[in-house]
Every structure is written in structure tokens, then in C-alpha cells.
Amino acid sequence: MKRGSIGFFAAISLQVLLLTSVIAFKQYTVWTGDTVILRVQPRDPRDLFRGDYVRLSFTISQLDLNELGGDDYFGYDDTA
């Protein structure tokens, strides 16, 4: 084997190892993570330019401001 081919195979092996480690890290998160089930409110709008698409609205992303505590006044550049 020539000296250049060893470097070539080392470079290819390093790239494959890097890609495999990225996939393995994401798969580990899927295997060991917690399952979260969210209630979804589907909306199916039609758009003249974009065609048919589905927009999902989650109930967790909608806050009821009357149930939240805290100050009623908050000005621009207030930090606390």
C-alpha cells in the first residue's frame, strides 16, 4: 500500500466516524428521552400562493394572560 492511500483511507474513516457519532448521539436522545404528548388543534388553511398546507396549533403555546401572575405594568427596557 502506498503512503498516500493510507492517508486517504484515514480521512475517509474519520469522516464516517464523525457522521456515525452524530447519528448515534441523536439516536441516544430518542432512546433515552421522555415522551411528551401534546394536544394539537389542527387548522387546514388554503393559500393561493402556497397551495394546501397544514398549520398546527398547540394548546401549550397559547397562554391565558388572566391566569398569569406578576405586575401589570412592564415598560420598555425593564429588566425585572
Protein backbone atom coordinates (compact mmCIF):
# COMPACT_ATOMS: atom_id res chain seq x y z
CA MET A 1 0.00 0.00 0.00
CA LYS A 2 1.28 3.42 -0.82
CA ARG A 3 1.73 6.11 1.74
CA GLY A 4 -0.89 8.41 0.11
CA SER A 5 -3.57 5.74 0.14
CA ILE A 6 -3.19 5.26 3.90
CA GLY A 7 -3.89 8.98 4.43
CA PHE A 8 -6.85 8.79 2.06
CA PHE A 9 -8.39 5.85 3.94
CA ALA A 10 -7.70 7.56 7.27
CA ALA A 11 -9.51 10.70 6.08
CA ILE A 12 -12.49 8.66 4.84
CA SER A 13 -12.60 6.69 8.10
CA LEU A 14 -12.55 9.89 10.14
CA GLN A 15 -15.45 11.35 8.16
CA VAL A 16 -17.51 8.15 8.51
CA LEU A 17 -16.75 8.06 12.24
CA LEU A 18 -17.83 11.69 12.64
CA LEU A 19 -21.11 11.16 10.79
CA THR A 20 -21.80 7.95 12.71
CA SER A 21 -21.20 9.68 16.04
CA VAL A 22 -23.63 12.49 15.15
CA ILE A 23 -26.31 9.95 14.26
CA ALA A 24 -25.59 7.87 17.37
CA PHE A 25 -25.87 10.94 19.62
CA LYS A 26 -29.28 11.85 18.19
CA GLN A 27 -30.46 8.24 18.39
CA TYR A 28 -29.36 8.03 22.04
CA THR A 29 -31.57 11.03 22.79
CA VAL A 30 -34.52 9.31 21.11
CA TRP A 31 -33.95 6.07 23.03
CA THR A 32 -33.47 7.63 26.47
CA GLY A 33 -35.68 10.73 26.26
CA ASP A 34 -39.10 11.24 27.80
CA THR A 35 -42.22 11.03 25.66
CA VAL A 36 -44.32 14.19 25.69
CA ILE A 37 -47.86 14.08 24.34
CA LEU A 38 -49.35 17.41 23.35
CA ARG A 39 -52.90 18.27 22.42
CA VAL A 40 -52.99 19.61 18.87
CA GLN A 41 -55.54 21.86 17.26
CA PRO A 42 -55.20 21.29 13.51
CA ARG A 43 -56.05 24.02 11.08
CA ASP A 44 -56.12 23.36 7.38
CA PRO A 45 -55.99 26.69 5.55
CA ARG A 46 -55.73 27.21 1.84
CA ASP A 47 -53.37 29.74 0.41
CA LEU A 48 -53.49 30.96 -3.16
CA PHE A 49 -49.70 31.18 -3.48
CA ARG A 50 -48.50 28.31 -1.28
CA GLY A 51 -51.29 25.84 -2.05
CA ASP A 52 -52.69 23.45 0.53
CA TYR A 53 -50.74 23.13 3.76
CA VAL A 54 -51.38 22.22 7.38
CA ARG A 55 -50.69 24.57 10.27
CA LEU A 56 -50.71 23.04 13.73
CA SER A 57 -51.55 24.99 16.86
CA PHE A 58 -50.57 23.54 20.24
CA THR A 59 -52.56 24.36 23.39
CA ILE A 60 -49.30 24.63 25.34
CA SER A 61 -48.25 27.58 23.19
CA GLN A 62 -51.36 29.63 23.99
CA LEU A 63 -51.27 31.43 27.34
CA ASP A 64 -54.24 32.82 29.22
CA LEU A 65 -52.99 36.20 30.44
CA ASN A 66 -55.65 36.40 33.16
CA GLU A 67 -54.22 33.30 34.89
CA LEU A 68 -50.64 34.56 34.91
CA GLY A 69 -49.30 36.31 37.97
CA GLY A 70 -46.99 39.28 38.10
CA ASP A 71 -47.08 43.00 37.57
CA ASP A 72 -49.49 44.58 35.15
CA TYR A 73 -47.03 47.28 34.16
CA PHE A 74 -43.97 46.49 32.14
CA GLY A 75 -42.13 49.22 30.33
CA TYR A 76 -39.54 49.29 27.59
CA ASP A 77 -36.07 48.12 28.75
CA ASP A 78 -37.35 46.93 32.15
CA THR A 79 -35.29 44.03 33.43
CA ALA A 80 -37.27 42.91 36.45
